[in-house]
Amino acid sequence: MQISSSIIFFLLERKFPLRYLREDQGGMAILEPRILESPDTEPEILYITDKPELLAAVQKPVSCAFLLCGEAGKSAVDFQSGERELPLCLKAADTACVTADISPVNLLETVFSLFLTLQDWDSRLKDASFEAVEDYTRLFGTIRELFDLPFILMDRNFTTIAYTPDFYTGLEETNRGKAPVEAVNQFFQKDEEGHDSSTELIEPYLYASANDGTRRWICCNIFRGSDFEGRIAAIPDQEKNHPGRFQLLAHFCRYVGMVFINTTDDMPARRQQDTLHRLVRDSIFTADGVPEQNAAGILGELAWQLDDPYFLAVFQISHERRFSHSALHICRHLETDVLYSCAVTYASHIIWLVNTRDVAKLNIKRDYRQLLSFIVRMYNCKAGVSNLFCNFMELRGAYTQSMAALRLGYRRDPGLSVYRFSDYTLDYILERSVSELPQEILLHPGALTLHNLDRNTGTDYIKTLRYYMDCRYNMTEAAQKLYVHRTTLIRRLDRITELTGLDFKEPRETLRMAISLHLLAPPDSGSA
C-alpha cells in the first residue's frame, strides 16, 4: 500500500486539530516518519519538528512532507498571514500543523502507529478480497474500520451486487436479496449540473443526484481497461471530504474492483441468452416461429403453461445512447419486481412478457400496471401494451398489437406514455382498411359533401355530426359540448340530413358514416 501525506493527515485530523499552509496539497508518497534533526532531508519522508529555526535552515525543497507542532505549529498562523516568511522547504511540500500541545516524540509515536495500522489494514483487505468471490461482507467490513459509511457496489447496468447492511435502513429488500431498484436509480440520472452520472471519472468523486442535490455521494468507478464496469458509492456523512479520504477509498476500490472484474458475471447480459429469452425472441422474430411442442417444453421447466393468461408490453427509448446504457438495467428491474415475467432486448426496444396467472398470489412488489407507469417516467420512454391473450403461441400477434399501440398512440396522443392496444383498436382497423384503396373511395358520400362544405364555407357540419353521434344522439349533451343552443343544433342536424340524406335509423349507414367521420376527423381534432 502506498501511504501518502494526505492519508496520514486525514487520519491524524481525527485525533488533533490541524491547519494546512495551502489547500492544493497533492499527497506525497511517504516511506516513514522521522523527527527533523538536521537541515539535510531525504525524499518520501514525513518530517516532524517543533523548531522553526531548523525549518529555515533547510536550504532546498525536496519531495518530502512536514508535520509541525509546538512553536513551529503555532507559527503557521504567521506563515499564512504573511507576518513571517514561509521557509523555502515548505513552499512546495505538503505541510500540516498540529495546534494541540504535543511533543515531536509523542507525535512521531502517533504517526508511526498510524503507519502500522494502515499496513495491517491493507493486509487484511488483501485477505478479505480472496474470500469475496461469493460474499463481499468481510471486504466491506474491513473498509468500515476506517469509514463508518454505508457502501454499495453496482455493476455497469446499475444492478446491485453487494451493500453494507445499513445502506437501505428502513427499506424492504426484495425476495431475491437484491436492494430496492428505485433507491439506486438516482445514480443513473444526470447530476445537479446536468452531467451524465460520471461513468468516465477514474478518481473518486462527489456526485450529487438531480433527485436529491443536497446529498453528495462519494463514488469510485470500476473499469476493465478503459470500459466502465461498475461503481462503489457511499452515503456521505458530515466528515470533511479530505484528499486523504479519497485516496483511502481509491485504494479500497482497487481491491473491490479486482474481485468484481475477476469473479462477477455479466448476469443481465447472460440472462438474455437463456432458453426463455431465446424462446420469446424466436417466437416473435423467426419466420416459422417455434413449434408448439418445443415452446411447451421450455415453459414447463418454469411451471408455465401454453394456455396461461399473458400480456405483452414493448418499451421504446428514443435516445440510442440512453438505451444502450439502460436497457439491461430496465430488464433486470422488470424481472425482479414481477417474477413471472421475461424482459428481452431487441433492436431499440425492450419486450416484456408477463404471465398473469394467479396474479394475486404472485410475489409482486407492485401491480404490473403501476410498474409500467413507473418505468416510462423513470426512463423517459414510451410503452405499447397488448390485450390479454391465453395462448403463448399468439405471442407474435401480441407483439404486433404492442407495436401498433406505440405507433398509433403516439400519433393520436403524443402527450401520453403508455398506449394500450384496446384504446386504439378502431384506429388499427381503419388504418388497415385504407392500406389497399384510397380513403375517399371508402368514405360515406355524405361525409365527403360535409367535409368539402366545411372546407369551402367555414361551417362546422363534420364536427357537429361527430359530437352528436359520440354523445349517443343526445341533443342536450351534444349542444353543451359544442357550446351552442339546442335549437341551433337541431337546425344544423336538419341541414346535415338534407345535404347527406342520412337516416339515423339505419345501423349500417350510420356505422359507415361514423367510420368516415373518424377517418376525416380523428378524436384528437375535435371529439367529445
Protein backbone atom coordinates (compact mmCIF):
# COMPACT_ATOMS: atom_id res chain seq x y z
CA MET A 1 0.00 0.00 0.00
CA GLN A 2 1.31 3.45 -0.88
CA ILE A 3 0.86 5.68 2.14
CA SER A 4 0.70 9.38 1.35
CA SER A 5 0.98 12.52 3.40
CA SER A 6 -2.71 13.22 2.72
CA ILE A 7 -3.74 9.85 4.18
CA ILE A 8 -1.67 10.43 7.32
CA PHE A 9 -3.04 13.96 7.72
CA PHE A 10 -6.61 12.70 7.22
CA LEU A 11 -6.29 10.06 9.95
CA LEU A 12 -4.33 12.39 12.22
CA GLU A 13 -7.05 15.01 11.89
CA ARG A 14 -9.38 12.64 13.73
CA LYS A 15 -7.06 12.93 16.75
CA PHE A 16 -5.80 16.52 16.64
CA PRO A 17 -6.90 19.80 15.10
CA LEU A 18 -4.74 20.50 12.05
CA ARG A 19 -4.04 23.57 9.94
CA TYR A 20 -2.68 23.49 6.41
CA LEU A 21 -0.40 26.03 4.76
CA ARG A 22 -2.17 25.50 1.44
CA GLU A 23 -5.24 23.64 0.20
CA ASP A 24 -3.84 22.19 -3.04
CA GLN A 25 -1.62 19.56 -1.42
CA GLY A 26 -1.02 16.66 -3.76
CA GLY A 27 -0.43 13.86 -1.27
CA MET A 28 3.25 12.94 -1.47
CA ALA A 29 4.27 9.30 -1.12
CA ILE A 30 5.70 8.61 2.35
CA LEU A 31 8.02 5.77 3.29
CA GLU A 32 8.30 6.52 7.00
CA PRO A 33 8.02 9.30 9.61
CA ARG A 34 11.09 10.88 11.25
CA ILE A 35 11.90 13.74 13.58
CA LEU A 36 13.72 16.53 11.73
CA GLU A 37 17.14 16.73 13.40
CA SER A 38 19.25 18.48 10.73
CA PRO A 39 18.80 20.61 7.59
CA ASP A 40 19.64 17.58 5.45
CA THR A 41 16.40 15.99 4.25
CA GLU A 42 15.55 12.99 2.11
CA PRO A 43 12.65 12.42 -0.27
CA GLU A 44 9.49 10.49 0.68
CA ILE A 45 9.93 11.12 4.42
CA LEU A 46 7.39 12.78 6.71
CA TYR A 47 9.46 15.06 8.93
CA ILE A 48 8.14 16.11 12.34
CA THR A 49 9.54 19.16 14.12
CA ASP A 50 8.74 21.89 16.62
CA LYS A 51 11.73 24.08 15.69
CA PRO A 52 11.03 26.95 13.24
CA GLU A 53 14.73 27.79 13.03
CA LEU A 54 15.55 24.28 11.84
CA LEU A 55 12.98 24.60 9.07
CA ALA A 56 14.58 27.85 7.97
CA ALA A 57 17.95 26.10 7.72
CA VAL A 58 16.69 23.61 5.14
CA GLN A 59 18.09 25.20 2.01
CA LYS A 60 16.32 23.41 -0.82
CA PRO A 61 12.85 21.93 -1.37
CA VAL A 62 12.68 18.16 -1.65
CA SER A 63 9.91 15.61 -2.24
CA CYS A 64 9.07 15.19 1.39
CA ALA A 65 6.32 16.34 3.76
CA PHE A 66 6.33 18.15 7.08
CA LEU A 67 4.27 17.87 10.23
CA LEU A 68 4.78 20.86 12.53
CA CYS A 69 3.99 21.02 16.23
CA GLY A 70 4.91 23.21 19.21
CA GLU A 71 6.40 26.57 18.23
CA ALA A 72 6.67 25.51 14.59
CA GLY A 73 2.99 24.54 14.54
CA LYS A 74 1.90 27.82 16.12
CA SER A 75 3.96 29.76 13.58
CA ALA A 76 1.60 28.50 10.86
CA VAL A 77 -0.65 31.46 11.65
CA ASP A 78 2.22 33.84 10.97
CA PHE A 79 3.10 31.99 7.76
CA GLN A 80 -0.46 32.21 6.47
CA SER A 81 -0.89 35.86 7.42
CA GLY A 82 2.40 36.83 5.83
CA GLU A 83 3.88 38.16 9.07
CA ARG A 84 6.64 35.57 8.83
CA GLU A 85 8.26 34.46 5.58
CA LEU A 86 7.49 30.90 4.63
CA PRO A 87 10.61 28.73 4.74
CA LEU A 88 11.79 27.58 1.32
CA CYS A 89 11.32 23.90 2.17
CA LEU A 90 7.61 24.41 2.90
CA LYS A 91 6.71 26.26 -0.28
CA ALA A 92 6.24 23.06 -2.32
CA ALA A 93 5.97 20.45 0.41
CA ASP A 94 2.75 19.01 1.86
CA THR A 95 2.60 20.53 5.33
CA ALA A 96 0.21 20.19 8.26
CA CYS A 97 0.42 21.99 11.59
CA VAL A 98 -0.77 20.44 14.86
CA THR A 99 -2.09 23.22 17.04
CA ALA A 100 -2.56 20.96 20.06
CA ASP A 101 0.11 20.75 22.76
CA ILE A 102 2.13 17.65 21.86
CA SER A 103 5.84 16.93 21.67
CA PRO A 104 7.56 15.77 18.47
CA VAL A 105 8.36 12.40 20.08
CA ASN A 106 4.74 11.72 21.04
CA LEU A 107 3.59 12.90 17.64
CA LEU A 108 6.10 10.56 15.99
CA GLU A 109 4.72 7.64 18.01
CA THR A 110 1.19 8.53 16.95
CA VAL A 111 2.11 8.77 13.27
CA PHE A 112 4.15 5.58 13.39
CA SER A 113 1.14 3.83 14.93
CA LEU A 114 -0.96 5.06 12.00
CA PHE A 115 1.59 3.59 9.58
CA LEU A 116 1.31 0.19 11.29
CA THR A 117 -2.49 0.43 11.32
CA LEU A 118 -2.59 1.16 7.59
CA GLN A 119 -0.21 -1.65 6.72
CA ASP A 120 -2.22 -4.12 8.80
CA TRP A 121 -5.45 -2.82 7.27
CA ASP A 122 -4.05 -3.30 3.77
CA SER A 123 -3.00 -6.87 4.63
CA ARG A 124 -6.50 -7.70 5.86
CA LEU A 125 -8.03 -6.09 2.77
CA LYS A 126 -5.93 -8.42 0.67
CA ASP A 127 -7.04 -11.46 2.68
CA ALA A 128 -10.69 -10.38 2.54
CA SER A 129 -10.50 -9.95 -1.22
CA PHE A 130 -9.70 -13.67 -1.61
CA GLU A 131 -12.91 -14.51 0.25
CA ALA A 132 -15.08 -12.09 -1.72
CA VAL A 133 -15.71 -14.40 -4.67
CA GLU A 134 -19.21 -15.14 -3.37
CA ASP A 135 -19.55 -12.73 -0.46
CA TYR A 136 -18.29 -9.17 -0.10
CA THR A 137 -19.21 -9.00 3.61
CA ARG A 138 -15.71 -9.21 5.05
CA LEU A 139 -14.26 -6.89 2.42
CA PHE A 140 -16.90 -4.26 3.18
CA GLY A 141 -16.41 -4.86 6.89
CA THR A 142 -12.72 -4.03 6.56
CA ILE A 143 -13.33 -0.67 4.91
CA ARG A 144 -15.79 0.14 7.69
CA GLU A 145 -12.93 0.04 10.18
CA LEU A 146 -11.76 3.38 8.77
CA PHE A 147 -15.04 4.70 7.33
CA ASP A 148 -18.29 4.39 9.21
CA LEU A 149 -20.22 4.85 5.97
CA PRO A 150 -22.91 2.75 4.25
CA PHE A 151 -21.49 1.33 0.98
CA ILE A 152 -22.99 -0.18 -2.15
CA LEU A 153 -21.45 -1.94 -5.17
CA MET A 154 -23.23 -1.82 -8.55
CA ASP A 155 -22.37 -3.18 -11.97
CA ARG A 156 -22.36 -1.12 -15.18
CA ASN A 157 -26.12 -1.64 -15.57
CA PHE A 158 -26.58 -0.34 -12.03
CA THR A 159 -27.66 -3.71 -10.75
CA THR A 160 -26.90 -4.02 -7.04
CA ILE A 161 -24.13 -6.56 -6.41
CA ALA A 162 -23.47 -6.02 -2.70
CA TYR A 163 -24.04 -3.46 0.02
CA THR A 164 -23.50 -2.95 3.73
CA PRO A 165 -26.49 -3.82 5.94
CA ASP A 166 -27.21 -0.20 6.83
CA PHE A 167 -27.27 1.12 3.25
CA TYR A 168 -31.01 0.54 2.94
CA THR A 169 -32.02 1.13 6.54
CA GLY A 170 -35.79 1.24 6.67
CA LEU A 171 -36.21 -0.05 3.11
CA GLU A 172 -37.56 -3.50 2.40
CA GLU A 173 -35.38 -5.89 0.41
CA THR A 174 -36.78 -7.91 -2.44
CA ASN A 175 -37.20 -11.63 -2.03
CA ARG A 176 -34.07 -12.24 -4.10
CA GLY A 177 -31.85 -10.41 -1.64
CA LYS A 178 -31.28 -7.51 -4.00
CA ALA A 179 -31.57 -3.94 -2.84
CA PRO A 180 -34.67 -1.96 -3.94
CA VAL A 181 -34.04 -0.85 -7.50
CA GLU A 182 -35.66 2.57 -7.09
CA ALA A 183 -33.17 3.51 -4.39
CA VAL A 184 -30.16 3.22 -6.71
CA ASN A 185 -31.82 4.79 -9.75
CA GLN A 186 -30.58 8.21 -8.67
CA PHE A 187 -27.09 7.08 -9.71
CA PHE A 188 -28.48 6.69 -13.19
CA GLN A 189 -29.76 10.24 -13.50
CA LYS A 190 -27.94 13.39 -14.51
CA ASP A 191 -26.34 15.26 -11.67
CA GLU A 192 -27.37 18.71 -10.48
CA GLU A 193 -25.13 20.36 -13.08
CA GLY A 194 -26.74 18.42 -15.92
CA HIS A 195 -23.86 15.99 -16.49
CA ASP A 196 -24.24 12.29 -17.02
CA SER A 197 -23.62 10.11 -13.99
CA SER A 198 -19.82 10.31 -14.35
CA THR A 199 -19.00 6.93 -15.88
CA GLU A 200 -15.66 8.22 -17.17
CA LEU A 201 -14.11 9.52 -13.95
CA ILE A 202 -11.13 7.49 -12.77
CA GLU A 203 -10.51 9.04 -9.36
CA PRO A 204 -13.08 9.07 -6.51
CA TYR A 205 -15.50 11.98 -6.77
CA LEU A 206 -18.55 13.58 -5.21
CA TYR A 207 -21.81 13.05 -7.05
CA ALA A 208 -24.99 14.99 -6.37
CA SER A 209 -28.09 13.40 -7.89
CA ALA A 210 -30.61 15.59 -9.65
CA ASN A 211 -33.21 13.84 -7.49
CA ASP A 212 -31.52 14.91 -4.27
CA GLY A 213 -28.96 17.63 -4.87
CA THR A 214 -28.49 18.22 -1.14
CA ARG A 215 -26.64 14.90 -0.63
CA ARG A 216 -23.28 14.42 -2.27
CA TRP A 217 -22.49 10.75 -2.67
CA ILE A 218 -18.87 9.61 -2.54
CA CYS A 219 -18.29 7.45 -5.61
CA CYS A 220 -15.50 5.48 -7.23
CA ASN A 221 -15.80 3.82 -10.65
CA ILE A 222 -14.52 0.39 -11.65
CA PHE A 223 -13.01 -0.13 -15.10
CA ARG A 224 -11.95 -3.08 -17.23
CA GLY A 225 -9.27 -1.41 -19.31
CA SER A 226 -10.97 1.80 -20.40
CA ASP A 227 -14.51 0.39 -20.15
CA PHE A 228 -16.74 1.38 -17.25
CA GLU A 229 -17.86 -1.79 -15.44
CA GLY A 230 -19.29 -0.73 -12.08
CA ARG A 231 -19.35 1.70 -9.20
CA ILE A 232 -18.82 1.79 -5.48
CA ALA A 233 -20.75 4.51 -3.69
CA ALA A 234 -21.04 5.62 -0.08
CA ILE A 235 -23.73 7.70 1.55
CA PRO A 236 -21.95 10.82 2.79
CA ASP A 237 -21.67 11.92 6.38
CA GLN A 238 -20.70 15.20 7.98
CA GLU A 239 -16.97 14.49 7.97
CA LYS A 240 -14.81 16.73 5.81
CA ASN A 241 -14.05 15.28 2.38
CA HIS A 242 -10.30 15.34 2.85
CA PRO A 243 -7.98 14.35 -0.06
CA GLY A 244 -6.64 11.55 2.13
CA ARG A 245 -10.12 10.19 2.49
CA PHE A 246 -10.49 9.88 -1.26
CA GLN A 247 -7.09 8.20 -1.56
CA LEU A 248 -8.05 5.57 1.03
CA LEU A 249 -11.33 4.97 -0.78
CA ALA A 250 -9.49 4.61 -4.09
CA HIS A 251 -7.21 2.00 -2.52
CA PHE A 252 -10.17 0.05 -1.19
CA CYS A 253 -11.93 0.31 -4.56
CA ARG A 254 -8.93 -1.22 -6.32
CA TYR A 255 -9.36 -4.38 -4.25
CA VAL A 256 -13.11 -4.48 -4.80
CA GLY A 257 -12.60 -3.78 -8.50
CA MET A 258 -10.16 -6.67 -8.92
CA VAL A 259 -12.59 -9.07 -7.23
CA PHE A 260 -15.52 -7.72 -9.20
CA ILE A 261 -13.80 -7.90 -12.60
CA ASN A 262 -12.42 -11.40 -11.98
CA THR A 263 -15.47 -13.04 -10.45
CA THR A 264 -18.65 -11.24 -11.46
CA ASP A 265 -20.51 -12.49 -14.49
CA ASP A 266 -22.48 -10.00 -16.53
CA MET A 267 -25.72 -11.65 -15.40
CA PRO A 268 -28.25 -9.32 -17.05
CA ALA A 269 -26.48 -9.81 -20.39
CA ARG A 270 -26.08 -13.57 -19.93
CA ARG A 271 -29.71 -13.93 -18.89
CA GLN A 272 -30.74 -12.50 -22.25
CA GLN A 273 -29.39 -15.71 -23.82
CA ASP A 274 -31.16 -18.28 -21.61
CA THR A 275 -33.83 -20.61 -23.01
CA LEU A 276 -36.86 -18.48 -22.04
CA HIS A 277 -35.45 -15.26 -23.51
CA ARG A 278 -34.45 -17.04 -26.71
CA LEU A 279 -37.91 -18.61 -26.89
CA VAL A 280 -39.58 -15.19 -26.70
CA ARG A 281 -37.30 -13.78 -29.41
CA ASP A 282 -37.66 -16.76 -31.71
CA SER A 283 -41.44 -16.89 -31.29
CA ILE A 284 -41.74 -13.30 -32.44
CA PHE A 285 -38.99 -12.82 -35.00
CA THR A 286 -38.18 -16.13 -36.71
CA ALA A 287 -40.09 -16.73 -39.91
CA ASP A 288 -41.65 -20.06 -38.86
CA GLY A 289 -41.86 -19.30 -35.15
CA VAL A 290 -41.23 -22.07 -32.60
CA PRO A 291 -43.02 -25.45 -32.74
CA GLU A 292 -45.72 -25.66 -30.10
CA GLN A 293 -44.20 -28.77 -28.57
CA ASN A 294 -40.83 -27.07 -28.10
CA ALA A 295 -42.44 -23.99 -26.56
CA ALA A 296 -44.46 -26.14 -24.17
CA GLY A 297 -41.32 -27.95 -23.02
CA ILE A 298 -39.41 -24.75 -22.26
CA LEU A 299 -42.37 -23.16 -20.48
CA GLY A 300 -42.96 -26.34 -18.49
CA GLU A 301 -39.49 -26.05 -16.95
CA LEU A 302 -40.68 -22.76 -15.41
CA ALA A 303 -44.09 -24.15 -14.37
CA TRP A 304 -45.67 -22.01 -17.11
CA GLN A 305 -48.33 -23.32 -19.47
CA LEU A 306 -49.11 -22.55 -23.08
CA ASP A 307 -52.66 -21.54 -22.13
CA ASP A 308 -51.72 -19.27 -19.22
CA PRO A 309 -53.03 -15.68 -19.50
CA TYR A 310 -50.32 -13.33 -20.78
CA PHE A 311 -49.88 -9.76 -21.84
CA LEU A 312 -47.01 -8.13 -23.71
CA ALA A 313 -45.54 -4.62 -23.44
CA VAL A 314 -42.95 -3.03 -25.68
CA PHE A 315 -40.85 -0.15 -24.33
CA GLN A 316 -39.24 2.28 -26.74
CA ILE A 317 -36.37 4.56 -25.68
CA SER A 318 -35.72 7.09 -28.40
CA HIS A 319 -32.21 8.11 -27.35
CA GLU A 320 -29.76 5.49 -28.65
CA ARG A 321 -27.04 6.14 -26.06
CA ARG A 322 -29.55 6.10 -23.21
CA PHE A 323 -30.96 2.81 -24.48
CA SER A 324 -27.51 1.21 -24.64
CA HIS A 325 -26.78 2.24 -21.05
CA SER A 326 -30.17 1.44 -19.51
CA ALA A 327 -31.75 -1.45 -21.44
CA LEU A 328 -30.32 -4.31 -19.36
CA HIS A 329 -30.93 -2.37 -16.15
CA ILE A 330 -34.61 -1.95 -17.07
CA CYS A 331 -34.86 -5.67 -17.91
CA ARG A 332 -33.46 -6.58 -14.51
CA HIS A 333 -35.85 -4.10 -12.88
CA LEU A 334 -38.90 -5.60 -14.62
CA GLU A 335 -37.98 -9.23 -13.91
CA THR A 336 -37.13 -8.50 -10.28
CA ASP A 337 -40.38 -6.71 -9.49
CA VAL A 338 -42.60 -9.13 -11.45
CA LEU A 339 -41.11 -12.59 -11.05
CA TYR A 340 -43.34 -14.37 -13.57
CA SER A 341 -42.11 -12.23 -16.43
CA CYS A 342 -39.43 -12.12 -19.10
CA ALA A 343 -37.82 -8.91 -20.44
CA VAL A 344 -35.97 -9.15 -23.75
CA THR A 345 -33.92 -6.55 -25.60
CA TYR A 346 -34.33 -6.36 -29.36
CA ALA A 347 -33.02 -3.56 -31.60
CA SER A 348 -34.12 -0.35 -29.84
CA HIS A 349 -36.97 -1.99 -27.92
CA ILE A 350 -37.49 -3.87 -24.68
CA ILE A 351 -40.13 -6.60 -24.95
CA TRP A 352 -41.74 -7.57 -21.65
CA LEU A 353 -43.87 -10.73 -21.41
CA VAL A 354 -45.89 -11.18 -18.20
CA ASN A 355 -47.61 -14.38 -17.12
CA THR A 356 -50.65 -13.11 -15.18
CA ARG A 357 -51.89 -16.50 -13.94
CA ASP A 358 -52.89 -16.28 -10.27
CA VAL A 359 -51.52 -12.75 -10.30
CA ALA A 360 -52.90 -12.04 -6.82
CA LYS A 361 -50.81 -14.91 -5.42
CA LEU A 362 -47.56 -13.91 -7.11
CA ASN A 363 -44.77 -12.26 -5.19
CA ILE A 364 -45.01 -8.91 -6.93
CA LYS A 365 -43.75 -5.76 -5.22
CA ARG A 366 -46.21 -3.59 -7.12
CA ASP A 367 -49.02 -4.08 -9.58
CA TYR A 368 -47.52 -4.54 -13.04
CA ARG A 369 -49.71 -1.70 -14.35
CA GLN A 370 -48.12 0.63 -11.81
CA LEU A 371 -44.71 -0.69 -12.77
CA LEU A 372 -45.39 0.22 -16.39
CA SER A 373 -46.10 3.81 -15.40
CA PHE A 374 -43.04 3.92 -13.14
CA ILE A 375 -40.70 2.65 -15.87
CA VAL A 376 -41.86 5.12 -18.52
CA ARG A 377 -41.50 8.01 -16.06
CA MET A 378 -38.12 6.94 -14.70
CA TYR A 379 -36.51 6.27 -18.09
CA ASN A 380 -38.43 8.79 -20.18
CA CYS A 381 -39.71 6.19 -22.62
CA LYS A 382 -42.98 5.07 -24.24
CA ALA A 383 -44.76 1.72 -23.90
CA GLY A 384 -47.27 -0.09 -26.10
CA VAL A 385 -49.36 -2.77 -24.36
CA SER A 386 -51.21 -5.68 -25.96
CA ASN A 387 -54.55 -7.15 -24.94
CA LEU A 388 -54.50 -10.17 -22.64
CA PHE A 389 -54.08 -13.43 -24.56
CA CYS A 390 -54.43 -17.00 -23.36
CA ASN A 391 -52.17 -18.88 -25.74
CA PHE A 392 -48.43 -18.40 -25.77
CA MET A 393 -48.43 -19.21 -29.48
CA GLU A 394 -50.21 -15.87 -30.06
CA LEU A 395 -47.09 -14.02 -28.92
CA ARG A 396 -46.27 -12.67 -32.37
CA GLY A 397 -49.76 -11.19 -32.65
CA ALA A 398 -49.38 -9.61 -29.21
CA TYR A 399 -46.11 -8.03 -30.35
CA THR A 400 -47.91 -6.61 -33.40
CA GLN A 401 -50.57 -5.17 -31.09
CA SER A 402 -47.98 -3.54 -28.83
CA MET A 403 -46.06 -2.00 -31.71
CA ALA A 404 -49.30 -0.77 -33.28
CA ALA A 405 -50.34 0.77 -29.96
CA LEU A 406 -47.00 2.60 -29.80
CA ARG A 407 -47.31 3.91 -33.35
CA LEU A 408 -50.99 4.87 -33.28
CA GLY A 409 -50.93 6.11 -29.70
CA TYR A 410 -48.02 8.44 -30.32
CA ARG A 411 -49.76 9.77 -33.42
CA ARG A 412 -53.07 10.44 -31.66
CA ASP A 413 -51.98 11.12 -28.06
CA PRO A 414 -48.31 12.21 -28.08
CA GLY A 415 -48.60 13.54 -24.54
CA LEU A 416 -49.22 10.06 -23.10
CA SER A 417 -46.55 7.49 -22.30
CA VAL A 418 -48.44 4.19 -22.04
CA TYR A 419 -50.57 3.16 -25.01
CA ARG A 420 -52.92 0.16 -24.74
CA PHE A 421 -53.98 -1.55 -27.94
CA SER A 422 -57.57 -1.76 -26.65
CA ASP A 423 -57.73 2.06 -26.84
CA TYR A 424 -56.55 2.11 -30.46
CA THR A 425 -58.21 -0.96 -31.93
CA LEU A 426 -60.54 1.13 -34.10
CA ASP A 427 -57.58 3.20 -35.32
CA TYR A 428 -55.81 -0.03 -36.29
CA ILE A 429 -58.86 -1.38 -38.13
CA LEU A 430 -59.25 1.86 -40.05
CA GLU A 431 -55.53 2.03 -40.83
CA ARG A 432 -55.64 -1.47 -42.27
CA SER A 433 -58.85 -0.74 -44.20
CA VAL A 434 -57.25 2.04 -46.24
CA SER A 435 -53.99 0.18 -46.92
CA GLU A 436 -55.20 -1.06 -50.33
CA LEU A 437 -57.70 1.57 -51.55
CA PRO A 438 -57.69 5.38 -51.35
CA GLN A 439 -59.55 6.75 -48.35
CA GLU A 440 -62.02 8.72 -50.47
CA ILE A 441 -63.44 5.53 -52.02
CA LEU A 442 -64.33 4.13 -48.59
CA LEU A 443 -65.96 7.29 -47.20
CA HIS A 444 -69.71 7.80 -46.98
CA PRO A 445 -70.65 10.19 -49.86
CA GLY A 446 -72.47 12.42 -47.40
CA ALA A 447 -69.32 12.71 -45.29
CA LEU A 448 -67.38 13.96 -48.32
CA THR A 449 -70.14 16.51 -49.04
CA LEU A 450 -69.99 17.87 -45.47
CA HIS A 451 -66.19 17.87 -45.45
CA ASN A 452 -65.98 19.89 -48.69
CA LEU A 453 -68.64 22.31 -47.50
CA ASP A 454 -66.84 22.89 -44.19
CA ARG A 455 -63.57 23.49 -46.02
CA ASN A 456 -65.05 25.91 -48.55
CA THR A 457 -67.54 27.86 -46.43
CA GLY A 458 -66.25 27.56 -42.88
CA THR A 459 -69.22 25.60 -41.50
CA ASP A 460 -68.84 23.00 -38.72
CA TYR A 461 -71.04 20.20 -40.02
CA ILE A 462 -68.45 17.39 -39.59
CA LYS A 463 -67.72 18.45 -36.00
CA THR A 464 -71.43 18.82 -35.22
CA LEU A 465 -72.30 15.37 -36.55
CA ARG A 466 -69.30 13.79 -34.83
CA TYR A 467 -70.25 15.20 -31.41
CA TYR A 468 -73.90 14.26 -31.89
CA MET A 469 -73.03 10.64 -32.68
CA ASP A 470 -70.37 10.42 -29.94
CA CYS A 471 -72.99 11.63 -27.44
CA ARG A 472 -75.24 8.72 -28.50
CA TYR A 473 -77.72 11.05 -30.27
CA ASN A 474 -78.38 13.03 -27.07
CA MET A 475 -79.07 16.55 -28.37
CA THR A 476 -78.82 18.27 -24.99
CA GLU A 477 -75.40 16.75 -24.17
CA ALA A 478 -74.06 17.39 -27.69
CA ALA A 479 -75.23 21.02 -27.62
CA GLN A 480 -73.46 21.57 -24.29
CA LYS A 481 -70.18 20.16 -25.58
CA LEU A 482 -70.46 22.20 -28.78
CA TYR A 483 -71.30 25.33 -26.74
CA VAL A 484 -74.41 26.05 -28.87
CA HIS A 485 -78.10 26.36 -28.09
CA ARG A 486 -80.13 23.18 -28.50
CA THR A 487 -82.27 24.88 -31.18
CA THR A 488 -79.12 25.75 -33.14
CA LEU A 489 -78.03 22.13 -33.01
CA ILE A 490 -81.45 20.96 -34.27
CA ARG A 491 -81.24 23.34 -37.24
CA ARG A 492 -77.72 22.10 -38.08
CA LEU A 493 -78.79 18.44 -37.92
CA ASP A 494 -81.77 19.15 -40.18
CA ARG A 495 -79.42 20.76 -42.68
CA ILE A 496 -77.00 17.80 -42.42
CA THR A 497 -79.84 15.37 -43.11
CA GLU A 498 -80.93 17.46 -46.07
CA LEU A 499 -77.37 17.54 -47.52
CA THR A 500 -76.48 13.87 -46.97
CA GLY A 501 -79.79 12.02 -46.94
CA LEU A 502 -78.52 10.27 -43.76
CA ASP A 503 -81.11 8.12 -41.98
CA PHE A 504 -80.12 7.75 -38.29
CA LYS A 505 -82.42 4.73 -38.01
CA GLU A 506 -80.34 2.68 -40.43
CA PRO A 507 -77.49 0.98 -38.41
CA ARG A 508 -75.26 0.06 -41.37
CA GLU A 509 -75.49 3.57 -42.82
CA THR A 510 -74.74 5.28 -39.50
CA LEU A 511 -71.83 2.87 -38.89
CA ARG A 512 -70.32 3.76 -42.26
CA MET A 513 -70.84 7.45 -41.50
CA ALA A 514 -69.19 7.05 -38.06
CA ILE A 515 -66.17 5.34 -39.63
CA SER A 516 -65.97 8.07 -42.27
CA LEU A 517 -66.06 10.78 -39.61
CA HIS A 518 -63.27 9.00 -37.73
CA LEU A 519 -61.12 8.93 -40.87
CA LEU A 520 -61.82 12.59 -41.62
CA ALA A 521 -61.58 13.90 -38.05
CA PRO A 522 -59.67 11.68 -35.59
CA PRO A 523 -60.61 12.09 -31.90
CA ASP A 524 -57.73 14.46 -31.09
CA SER A 525 -59.01 17.02 -33.59
CA GLY A 526 -62.36 17.65 -32.00
CA SER A 527 -64.15 14.69 -30.44
CA ALA A 528 -66.44 14.59 -27.48
